[in-house]
Amino acid sequence: MSPPVFSRPLTFSEYNSLQLTLVKISKILAEEVIDAIDSEVNKPKRLWVRKWIKRSNQLGASNLLLRELAVEDPTEYRLFLRMTPEVFEELLIRVSPYIQRQDTLKREAVPARTKLELTLTFLAGCNYRVLSHLFRVPKSTISKLLPEVLDAIYQNLKEFIQVPSTENAWAEINKGFLRNWNFPNCYGAIDGKHVLIQAPPNSGSQFFNYKGFNSIILMALVNWDYSFIYIDVGCNGCVSDGGVFQNSSLYSKLEKVRYSVLQDALLGMMPFP
């Protein structure tokens, strides 16, 4: 900063007055800087991880409740995760290599077991808030891990859901319905389900169904022992059951064996032509 320029020399009293003024200004500025530093230092820090979440390894459902149920009450365990402990362990072995992450310096990675248990609990109908409290995992983390685990499940299990491709395979399903349910000429049980969604922006009424809410449609075909042999999901909620069926890959597959295998069969209910 350039020194002030005066039109005439200052008197002794004026010089002293100027010095006092500069000292006061400097003192005020120094106090403001100190206050700013103090407020920044003393400002409450945002917690990287809440304390109760840090105790997930000791008190989360994965290490307490579910382990107890697996040993002491397998029936309740199955109601919780919709599968037996044995099936869960088999599924965990399949997906673990795809969902397990390394710990970092800042935080521990969520274990693959917890990820899978949390995902299955979500699929059973539990919301993010309850999942967060139950497994002691932040909601933001849940929103990231769910797609990861679901994709791993799909990639590793898609071989188990296959539409029969031969006449003999269809004939086995027919025999199963006759043997177990005394239901002749049946090659599968088919139905659909509207899955509630929040409609995408500017989608209009594309997803609005006859029940009065926005949805996508899940259509499934099962055999005599409740095993899924075909699943189609994602069709707009405004489409009828018959429309979903006719636009599915299942329809084209059935057309190929319609006259050789399914000539005496009635498919589904009235909405499915």
C-alpha atoms as a PDB file:
ATOM      1  CA  MET A   1       0.000   0.000   0.000  1.00  0.00           C
ATOM      2  CA  SER A   2       1.361   3.436  -0.910  1.00  0.00           C
ATOM      3  CA  PRO A   3       1.963   5.878   1.964  1.00  0.00           C
ATOM      4  CA  PRO A   4      -0.568   8.741   2.284  1.00  0.00           C
ATOM      5  CA  VAL A   5       0.300  11.986   0.487  1.00  0.00           C
ATOM      6  CA  PHE A   6      -0.428  15.265   2.285  1.00  0.00           C
ATOM      7  CA  SER A   7      -0.545  18.743   0.711  1.00  0.00           C
ATOM      8  CA  ARG A   8       1.378  20.198   3.678  1.00  0.00           C
ATOM      9  CA  PRO A   9       3.565  18.839   6.459  1.00  0.00           C
ATOM     10  CA  LEU A  10       1.668  17.489   9.494  1.00  0.00           C
ATOM     11  CA  THR A  11       1.945  19.188  12.812  1.00  0.00           C
ATOM     12  CA  PHE A  12       3.085  17.195  15.813  1.00  0.00           C
ATOM     13  CA  SER A  13      -0.451  16.907  17.231  1.00  0.00           C
ATOM     14  CA  GLU A  14      -1.885  15.857  13.861  1.00  0.00           C
ATOM     15  CA  TYR A  15       0.805  13.215  13.510  1.00  0.00           C
ATOM     16  CA  ASN A  16       0.052  11.809  16.976  1.00  0.00           C
ATOM     17  CA  SER A  17      -3.672  11.767  16.212  1.00  0.00           C
ATOM     18  CA  LEU A  18      -3.081   9.891  12.969  1.00  0.00           C
ATOM     19  CA  GLN A  19      -0.943   7.320  14.745  1.00  0.00           C
ATOM     20  CA  LEU A  20      -3.612   6.732  17.399  1.00  0.00           C
ATOM     21  CA  THR A  21      -6.258   6.282  14.686  1.00  0.00           C
ATOM     22  CA  LEU A  22      -4.133   3.727  12.837  1.00  0.00           C
ATOM     23  CA  VAL A  23      -3.484   1.835  16.073  1.00  0.00           C
ATOM     24  CA  LYS A  24      -7.234   1.668  16.808  1.00  0.00           C
ATOM     25  CA  ILE A  25      -7.984   0.447  13.286  1.00  0.00           C
ATOM     26  CA  SER A  26      -5.264  -2.202  13.524  1.00  0.00           C
ATOM     27  CA  LYS A  27      -6.621  -3.349  16.896  1.00  0.00           C
ATOM     28  CA  ILE A  28     -10.168  -3.663  15.529  1.00  0.00           C
ATOM     29  CA  LEU A  29      -8.971  -5.637  12.499  1.00  0.00           C
ATOM     30  CA  ALA A  30      -6.858  -7.903  14.699  1.00  0.00           C
ATOM     31  CA  GLU A  31      -9.831  -8.608  16.999  1.00  0.00           C
ATOM     32  CA  GLU A  32     -12.025  -9.465  14.010  1.00  0.00           C
ATOM     33  CA  VAL A  33      -9.408 -11.867  12.643  1.00  0.00           C
ATOM     34  CA  ILE A  34      -9.029 -13.529  16.056  1.00  0.00           C
ATOM     35  CA  ASP A  35     -12.825 -13.877  16.415  1.00  0.00           C
ATOM     36  CA  ALA A  36     -13.046 -15.434  12.956  1.00  0.00           C
ATOM     37  CA  ILE A  37     -10.302 -17.929  13.781  1.00  0.00           C
ATOM     38  CA  ASP A  38     -11.910 -18.811  17.121  1.00  0.00           C
ATOM     39  CA  SER A  39     -15.323 -19.392  15.553  1.00  0.00           C
ATOM     40  CA  GLU A  40     -13.794 -21.652  12.904  1.00  0.00           C
ATOM     41  CA  VAL A  41     -11.797 -23.623  15.454  1.00  0.00           C
ATOM     42  CA  ASN A  42     -14.707 -23.988  17.884  1.00  0.00           C
ATOM     43  CA  LYS A  43     -17.350 -24.687  15.234  1.00  0.00           C
ATOM     44  CA  PRO A  44     -18.925 -28.118  15.816  1.00  0.00           C
ATOM     45  CA  LYS A  45     -17.464 -30.626  13.392  1.00  0.00           C
ATOM     46  CA  ARG A  46     -19.760 -32.772  11.299  1.00  0.00           C
ATOM     47  CA  LEU A  47     -19.378 -36.384  12.320  1.00  0.00           C
ATOM     48  CA  TRP A  48     -17.887 -38.568   9.590  1.00  0.00           C
ATOM     49  CA  VAL A  49     -19.751 -41.533  11.069  1.00  0.00           C
ATOM     50  CA  ARG A  50     -22.353 -41.419  13.821  1.00  0.00           C
ATOM     51  CA  LYS A  51     -21.318 -43.195  16.985  1.00  0.00           C
ATOM     52  CA  TRP A  52     -24.133 -45.744  16.889  1.00  0.00           C
ATOM     53  CA  ILE A  53     -23.218 -46.651  13.298  1.00  0.00           C
ATOM     54  CA  LYS A  54     -19.607 -47.272  14.342  1.00  0.00           C
ATOM     55  CA  ARG A  55     -20.868 -50.097  16.535  1.00  0.00           C
ATOM     56  CA  SER A  56     -22.431 -52.004  13.628  1.00  0.00           C
ATOM     57  CA  ASN A  57     -19.877 -54.820  13.864  1.00  0.00           C
ATOM     58  CA  GLN A  58     -20.898 -55.481  17.463  1.00  0.00           C
ATOM     59  CA  LEU A  59     -24.571 -54.524  17.617  1.00  0.00           C
ATOM     60  CA  GLY A  60     -25.907 -54.612  14.050  1.00  0.00           C
ATOM     61  CA  ALA A  61     -28.497 -57.207  13.014  1.00  0.00           C
ATOM     62  CA  SER A  62     -25.926 -59.045  10.926  1.00  0.00           C
ATOM     63  CA  ASN A  63     -23.835 -59.934  13.964  1.00  0.00           C
ATOM     64  CA  LEU A  64     -26.582 -60.329  16.553  1.00  0.00           C
ATOM     65  CA  LEU A  65     -30.178 -60.952  15.526  1.00  0.00           C
ATOM     66  CA  LEU A  66     -29.629 -62.895  12.308  1.00  0.00           C
ATOM     67  CA  ARG A  67     -26.916 -65.086  13.794  1.00  0.00           C
ATOM     68  CA  GLU A  68     -29.213 -65.930  16.711  1.00  0.00           C
ATOM     69  CA  LEU A  69     -32.133 -66.721  14.407  1.00  0.00           C
ATOM     70  CA  ALA A  70     -29.983 -68.915  12.156  1.00  0.00           C
ATOM     71  CA  VAL A  71     -29.010 -71.082  15.139  1.00  0.00           C
ATOM     72  CA  GLU A  72     -32.052 -70.896  17.418  1.00  0.00           C
ATOM     73  CA  ASP A  73     -35.038 -70.224  15.145  1.00  0.00           C
ATOM     74  CA  PRO A  74     -34.526 -71.114  11.445  1.00  0.00           C
ATOM     75  CA  THR A  75     -38.242 -70.655  10.754  1.00  0.00           C
ATOM     76  CA  GLU A  76     -38.149 -67.036  11.870  1.00  0.00           C
ATOM     77  CA  TYR A  77     -34.890 -66.577   9.948  1.00  0.00           C
ATOM     78  CA  ARG A  78     -36.657 -67.713   6.792  1.00  0.00           C
ATOM     79  CA  LEU A  79     -39.488 -65.252   7.396  1.00  0.00           C
ATOM     80  CA  PHE A  80     -36.899 -62.503   7.858  1.00  0.00           C
ATOM     81  CA  LEU A  81     -34.780 -63.104   4.723  1.00  0.00           C
ATOM     82  CA  ARG A  82     -37.234 -65.274   2.750  1.00  0.00           C
ATOM     83  CA  MET A  83     -34.737 -68.152   2.587  1.00  0.00           C
ATOM     84  CA  THR A  84     -33.142 -70.733   4.849  1.00  0.00           C
ATOM     85  CA  PRO A  85     -29.708 -70.203   6.435  1.00  0.00           C
ATOM     86  CA  GLU A  86     -28.280 -72.893   4.143  1.00  0.00           C
ATOM     87  CA  VAL A  87     -29.569 -71.210   0.978  1.00  0.00           C
ATOM     88  CA  PHE A  88     -28.284 -67.859   2.214  1.00  0.00           C
ATOM     89  CA  GLU A  89     -24.770 -69.223   2.751  1.00  0.00           C
ATOM     90  CA  GLU A  90     -24.766 -70.706  -0.747  1.00  0.00           C
ATOM     91  CA  LEU A  91     -25.890 -67.397  -2.239  1.00  0.00           C
ATOM     92  CA  LEU A  92     -23.272 -65.515  -0.210  1.00  0.00           C
ATOM     93  CA  ILE A  93     -20.503 -67.716  -1.616  1.00  0.00           C
ATOM     94  CA  ARG A  94     -21.668 -66.909  -5.137  1.00  0.00           C
ATOM     95  CA  VAL A  95     -21.923 -63.133  -4.804  1.00  0.00           C
ATOM     96  CA  SER A  96     -19.175 -62.315  -2.274  1.00  0.00           C
ATOM     97  CA  PRO A  97     -16.371 -61.928  -4.855  1.00  0.00           C
ATOM     98  CA  TYR A  98     -18.472 -59.300  -6.645  1.00  0.00           C
ATOM     99  CA  ILE A  99     -19.602 -57.196  -3.678  1.00  0.00           C
ATOM    100  CA  GLN A 100     -16.787 -57.359  -1.107  1.00  0.00           C
ATOM    101  CA  ARG A 101     -14.718 -54.149  -0.978  1.00  0.00           C
ATOM    102  CA  GLN A 102     -11.420 -53.287   0.716  1.00  0.00           C
ATOM    103  CA  ASP A 103     -11.223 -51.167   3.871  1.00  0.00           C
ATOM    104  CA  THR A 104      -9.810 -47.637   3.491  1.00  0.00           C
ATOM    105  CA  LEU A 105      -7.919 -45.392   5.892  1.00  0.00           C
ATOM    106  CA  LYS A 106     -11.104 -43.425   6.592  1.00  0.00           C
ATOM    107  CA  ARG A 107     -13.644 -46.200   7.047  1.00  0.00           C
ATOM    108  CA  GLU A 108     -14.233 -49.928   7.082  1.00  0.00           C
ATOM    109  CA  ALA A 109     -16.006 -51.470   4.119  1.00  0.00           C
ATOM    110  CA  VAL A 110     -19.451 -52.966   4.700  1.00  0.00           C
ATOM    111  CA  PRO A 111     -18.967 -56.773   4.830  1.00  0.00           C
ATOM    112  CA  ALA A 112     -20.401 -58.812   1.970  1.00  0.00           C
ATOM    113  CA  ARG A 113     -22.579 -60.736   4.446  1.00  0.00           C
ATOM    114  CA  THR A 114     -24.153 -57.541   5.757  1.00  0.00           C
ATOM    115  CA  LYS A 115     -24.683 -56.241   2.215  1.00  0.00           C
ATOM    116  CA  LEU A 116     -26.531 -59.377   1.172  1.00  0.00           C
ATOM    117  CA  GLU A 117     -28.610 -59.599   4.365  1.00  0.00           C
ATOM    118  CA  LEU A 118     -29.537 -55.936   4.046  1.00  0.00           C
ATOM    119  CA  THR A 119     -30.523 -56.366   0.389  1.00  0.00           C
ATOM    120  CA  LEU A 120     -32.704 -59.398   1.086  1.00  0.00           C
ATOM    121  CA  THR A 121     -34.397 -57.546   3.948  1.00  0.00           C
ATOM    122  CA  PHE A 122     -35.071 -54.654   1.572  1.00  0.00           C
ATOM    123  CA  LEU A 123     -36.583 -57.038  -0.987  1.00  0.00           C
ATOM    124  CA  ALA A 124     -38.794 -58.436   1.785  1.00  0.00           C
ATOM    125  CA  GLY A 125     -40.375 -54.976   2.142  1.00  0.00           C
ATOM    126  CA  CYS A 126     -38.237 -53.035   4.633  1.00  0.00           C
ATOM    127  CA  ASN A 127     -37.601 -49.308   3.999  1.00  0.00           C
ATOM    128  CA  TYR A 128     -34.284 -47.433   4.105  1.00  0.00           C
ATOM    129  CA  ARG A 129     -34.783 -45.883   7.538  1.00  0.00           C
ATOM    130  CA  VAL A 130     -35.550 -49.188   9.245  1.00  0.00           C
ATOM    131  CA  LEU A 131     -32.695 -50.876   7.377  1.00  0.00           C
ATOM    132  CA  SER A 132     -30.317 -48.149   8.536  1.00  0.00           C
ATOM    133  CA  HIS A 133     -31.306 -48.601  12.181  1.00  0.00           C
ATOM    134  CA  LEU A 134     -31.419 -52.383  11.992  1.00  0.00           C
ATOM    135  CA  PHE A 135     -28.033 -52.943  10.337  1.00  0.00           C
ATOM    136  CA  ARG A 136     -26.431 -49.659  11.519  1.00  0.00           C
ATOM    137  CA  VAL A 137     -25.541 -48.598   7.980  1.00  0.00           C
ATOM    138  CA  PRO A 138     -26.097 -45.003   6.712  1.00  0.00           C
ATOM    139  CA  LYS A 139     -28.999 -44.530   4.298  1.00  0.00           C
ATOM    140  CA  SER A 140     -26.647 -42.954   1.739  1.00  0.00           C
ATOM    141  CA  THR A 141     -24.541 -46.126   1.796  1.00  0.00           C
ATOM    142  CA  ILE A 142     -27.631 -48.315   1.447  1.00  0.00           C
ATOM    143  CA  SER A 143     -28.696 -46.468  -1.707  1.00  0.00           C
ATOM    144  CA  LYS A 144     -25.298 -47.233  -3.267  1.00  0.00           C
ATOM    145  CA  LEU A 145     -24.901 -50.860  -2.235  1.00  0.00           C
ATOM    146  CA  LEU A 146     -28.383 -52.107  -3.185  1.00  0.00           C
ATOM    147  CA  PRO A 147     -27.898 -51.792  -6.987  1.00  0.00           C
ATOM    148  CA  GLU A 148     -24.459 -53.383  -6.636  1.00  0.00           C
ATOM    149  CA  VAL A 149     -25.770 -56.431  -4.770  1.00  0.00           C
ATOM    150  CA  LEU A 150     -28.853 -56.817  -6.953  1.00  0.00           C
ATOM    151  CA  ASP A 151     -26.709 -56.809 -10.087  1.00  0.00           C
ATOM    152  CA  ALA A 152     -24.405 -59.437  -8.557  1.00  0.00           C
ATOM    153  CA  ILE A 153     -27.409 -61.636  -7.720  1.00  0.00           C
ATOM    154  CA  TYR A 154     -28.768 -61.298 -11.243  1.00  0.00           C
ATOM    155  CA  GLN A 155     -25.455 -62.064 -12.926  1.00  0.00           C
ATOM    156  CA  ASN A 156     -24.854 -65.156 -10.788  1.00  0.00           C
ATOM    157  CA  LEU A 157     -28.365 -66.625 -10.712  1.00  0.00           C
ATOM    158  CA  LYS A 158     -29.818 -65.918 -14.143  1.00  0.00           C
ATOM    159  CA  GLU A 159     -28.956 -69.487 -15.203  1.00  0.00           C
ATOM    160  CA  PHE A 160     -31.511 -70.776 -12.680  1.00  0.00           C
ATOM    161  CA  ILE A 161     -34.493 -69.059 -14.330  1.00  0.00           C
ATOM    162  CA  GLN A 162     -34.858 -70.489 -17.812  1.00  0.00           C
ATOM    163  CA  VAL A 163     -37.884 -70.964 -19.999  1.00  0.00           C
ATOM    164  CA  PRO A 164     -38.111 -74.593 -21.195  1.00  0.00           C
ATOM    165  CA  SER A 165     -36.630 -74.832 -24.673  1.00  0.00           C
ATOM    166  CA  THR A 166     -37.596 -78.392 -25.628  1.00  0.00           C
ATOM    167  CA  GLU A 167     -40.798 -80.376 -25.884  1.00  0.00           C
ATOM    168  CA  ASN A 168     -39.577 -82.769 -23.194  1.00  0.00           C
ATOM    169  CA  ALA A 169     -38.979 -79.891 -20.762  1.00  0.00           C
ATOM    170  CA  TRP A 170     -42.526 -78.609 -21.255  1.00  0.00           C
ATOM    171  CA  ALA A 171     -43.850 -82.152 -20.892  1.00  0.00           C
ATOM    172  CA  GLU A 172     -42.118 -82.495 -17.500  1.00  0.00           C
ATOM    173  CA  ILE A 173     -43.900 -79.377 -16.238  1.00  0.00           C
ATOM    174  CA  ASN A 174     -47.205 -80.767 -17.478  1.00  0.00           C
ATOM    175  CA  LYS A 175     -46.556 -84.031 -15.618  1.00  0.00           C
ATOM    176  CA  GLY A 176     -45.660 -82.106 -12.468  1.00  0.00           C
ATOM    177  CA  PHE A 177     -48.980 -80.242 -12.401  1.00  0.00           C
ATOM    178  CA  LEU A 178     -50.904 -83.453 -13.022  1.00  0.00           C
ATOM    179  CA  ARG A 179     -48.984 -85.433 -10.408  1.00  0.00           C
ATOM    180  CA  ASN A 180     -48.957 -82.815  -7.635  1.00  0.00           C
ATOM    181  CA  TRP A 181     -52.162 -80.865  -8.267  1.00  0.00           C
ATOM    182  CA  ASN A 182     -54.301 -83.184 -10.392  1.00  0.00           C
ATOM    183  CA  PHE A 183     -54.349 -80.420 -13.007  1.00  0.00           C
ATOM    184  CA  PRO A 184     -54.054 -81.787 -16.575  1.00  0.00           C
ATOM    185  CA  ASN A 185     -52.686 -79.895 -19.585  1.00  0.00           C
ATOM    186  CA  CYS A 186     -51.102 -77.191 -17.439  1.00  0.00           C
ATOM    187  CA  TYR A 187     -47.658 -75.905 -18.399  1.00  0.00           C
ATOM    188  CA  GLY A 188     -47.281 -73.080 -15.889  1.00  0.00           C
ATOM    189  CA  ALA A 189     -49.094 -70.621 -13.626  1.00  0.00           C
ATOM    190  CA  ILE A 190     -48.844 -67.007 -14.769  1.00  0.00           C
ATOM    191  CA  ASP A 191     -49.798 -63.713 -13.143  1.00  0.00           C
ATOM    192  CA  GLY A 192     -48.694 -60.100 -12.821  1.00  0.00           C
ATOM    193  CA  LYS A 193     -47.995 -57.601 -10.058  1.00  0.00           C
ATOM    194  CA  HIS A 194     -48.019 -53.791 -10.105  1.00  0.00           C
ATOM    195  CA  VAL A 195     -44.906 -52.484  -8.350  1.00  0.00           C
ATOM    196  CA  LEU A 196     -45.422 -49.001  -6.905  1.00  0.00           C
ATOM    197  CA  ILE A 197     -42.985 -46.353  -8.235  1.00  0.00           C
ATOM    198  CA  GLN A 198     -42.537 -42.590  -8.281  1.00  0.00           C
ATOM    199  CA  ALA A 199     -43.262 -41.603 -11.861  1.00  0.00           C
ATOM    200  CA  PRO A 200     -40.295 -40.177 -13.826  1.00  0.00           C
ATOM    201  CA  PRO A 201     -40.466 -36.441 -14.691  1.00  0.00           C
ATOM    202  CA  ASN A 202     -42.574 -35.557 -17.741  1.00  0.00           C
ATOM    203  CA  SER A 203     -43.855 -39.131 -18.076  1.00  0.00           C
ATOM    204  CA  GLY A 204     -47.509 -38.100 -18.024  1.00  0.00           C
ATOM    205  CA  SER A 205     -49.831 -41.063 -17.528  1.00  0.00           C
ATOM    206  CA  GLN A 206     -47.499 -43.715 -18.969  1.00  0.00           C
ATOM    207  CA  PHE A 207     -47.066 -45.410 -15.599  1.00  0.00           C
ATOM    208  CA  PHE A 208     -50.533 -44.689 -14.139  1.00  0.00           C
ATOM    209  CA  ASN A 209     -52.486 -47.931 -13.737  1.00  0.00           C
ATOM    210  CA  TYR A 210     -56.160 -48.790 -13.334  1.00  0.00           C
ATOM    211  CA  LYS A 211     -55.673 -49.142  -9.574  1.00  0.00           C
ATOM    212  CA  GLY A 212     -54.934 -45.437  -9.269  1.00  0.00           C
ATOM    213  CA  PHE A 213     -51.163 -45.245  -8.757  1.00  0.00           C
ATOM    214  CA  ASN A 214     -47.953 -45.216 -10.817  1.00  0.00           C
ATOM    215  CA  SER A 215     -46.265 -48.563 -11.299  1.00  0.00           C
ATOM    216  CA  ILE A 216     -44.185 -50.898 -13.387  1.00  0.00           C
ATOM    217  CA  ILE A 217     -45.447 -54.415 -14.005  1.00  0.00           C
ATOM    218  CA  LEU A 218     -43.823 -57.676 -12.960  1.00  0.00           C
ATOM    219  CA  MET A 219     -45.119 -60.735 -14.805  1.00  0.00           C
ATOM    220  CA  ALA A 220     -43.982 -64.191 -13.751  1.00  0.00           C
ATOM    221  CA  LEU A 221     -44.500 -67.808 -14.757  1.00  0.00           C
ATOM    222  CA  VAL A 222     -43.957 -70.642 -12.254  1.00  0.00           C
ATOM    223  CA  ASN A 223     -44.076 -74.416 -12.460  1.00  0.00           C
ATOM    224  CA  TRP A 224     -45.814 -76.931 -10.181  1.00  0.00           C
ATOM    225  CA  ASP A 225     -43.417 -76.485  -7.233  1.00  0.00           C
ATOM    226  CA  TYR A 226     -43.490 -72.645  -7.230  1.00  0.00           C
ATOM    227  CA  SER A 227     -40.148 -72.378  -9.034  1.00  0.00           C
ATOM    228  CA  PHE A 228     -39.920 -69.395 -11.366  1.00  0.00           C
ATOM    229  CA  ILE A 229     -39.280 -70.291 -14.995  1.00  0.00           C
ATOM    230  CA  TYR A 230     -39.819 -66.822 -16.464  1.00  0.00           C
ATOM    231  CA  ILE A 231     -39.848 -63.230 -15.197  1.00  0.00           C
ATOM    232  CA  ASP A 232     -40.573 -60.015 -17.089  1.00  0.00           C
ATOM    233  CA  VAL A 233     -40.392 -56.704 -15.222  1.00  0.00           C
ATOM    234  CA  GLY A 234     -40.391 -53.066 -16.290  1.00  0.00           C
ATOM    235  CA  CYS A 235     -43.442 -52.637 -18.503  1.00  0.00           C
ATOM    236  CA  ASN A 236     -45.362 -49.374 -17.954  1.00  0.00           C
ATOM    237  CA  GLY A 237     -48.194 -49.622 -15.445  1.00  0.00           C
ATOM    238  CA  CYS A 238     -50.806 -48.404 -17.929  1.00  0.00           C
ATOM    239  CA  VAL A 239     -50.407 -51.537 -20.090  1.00  0.00           C
ATOM    240  CA  SER A 240     -52.957 -54.346 -19.664  1.00  0.00           C
ATOM    241  CA  ASP A 241     -52.002 -57.876 -18.590  1.00  0.00           C
ATOM    242  CA  GLY A 242     -52.617 -59.132 -22.099  1.00  0.00           C
ATOM    243  CA  GLY A 243     -50.481 -56.347 -23.535  1.00  0.00           C
ATOM    244  CA  VAL A 244     -47.605 -57.171 -21.200  1.00  0.00           C
ATOM    245  CA  PHE A 245     -47.808 -60.837 -22.180  1.00  0.00           C
ATOM    246  CA  GLN A 246     -47.959 -60.244 -25.921  1.00  0.00           C
ATOM    247  CA  ASN A 247     -44.975 -57.885 -25.790  1.00  0.00           C
ATOM    248  CA  SER A 248     -42.845 -60.287 -23.729  1.00  0.00           C
ATOM    249  CA  SER A 249     -40.230 -62.717 -24.982  1.00  0.00           C
ATOM    250  CA  LEU A 250     -42.279 -65.503 -23.364  1.00  0.00           C
ATOM    251  CA  TYR A 251     -45.054 -64.995 -25.908  1.00  0.00           C
ATOM    252  CA  SER A 252     -42.717 -65.537 -28.850  1.00  0.00           C
ATOM    253  CA  LYS A 253     -41.224 -68.624 -27.179  1.00  0.00           C
ATOM    254  CA  LEU A 254     -44.672 -70.129 -26.619  1.00  0.00           C
ATOM    255  CA  GLU A 255     -45.704 -69.409 -30.201  1.00  0.00           C
ATOM    256  CA  LYS A 256     -42.911 -71.701 -31.390  1.00  0.00           C
ATOM    257  CA  VAL A 257     -44.298 -74.689 -29.452  1.00  0.00           C
ATOM    258  CA  ARG A 258     -47.958 -73.726 -29.557  1.00  0.00           C
ATOM    259  CA  TYR A 259     -49.073 -76.452 -31.956  1.00  0.00           C
ATOM    260  CA  SER A 260     -46.578 -79.160 -31.025  1.00  0.00           C
ATOM    261  CA  VAL A 261     -46.796 -78.940 -27.222  1.00  0.00           C
ATOM    262  CA  LEU A 262     -49.499 -76.550 -26.039  1.00  0.00           C
ATOM    263  CA  GLN A 263     -52.323 -77.474 -28.391  1.00  0.00           C
ATOM    264  CA  ASP A 264     -54.597 -78.704 -25.573  1.00  0.00           C
ATOM    265  CA  ALA A 265     -53.477 -76.158 -22.971  1.00  0.00           C
ATOM    266  CA  LEU A 266     -55.243 -73.037 -21.726  1.00  0.00           C
ATOM    267  CA  LEU A 267     -52.821 -70.271 -20.808  1.00  0.00           C
ATOM    268  CA  GLY A 268     -53.562 -68.234 -17.716  1.00  0.00           C
ATOM    269  CA  MET A 269     -56.756 -66.328 -17.038  1.00  0.00           C
ATOM    270  CA  MET A 270     -58.964 -64.218 -19.284  1.00  0.00           C
ATOM    271  CA  PRO A 271     -56.556 -61.221 -19.467  1.00  0.00           C
ATOM    272  CA  PHE A 272     -53.964 -63.503 -21.073  1.00  0.00           C
ATOM    273  CA  PRO A 273     -55.256 -64.376 -24.572  1.00  0.00           C
END
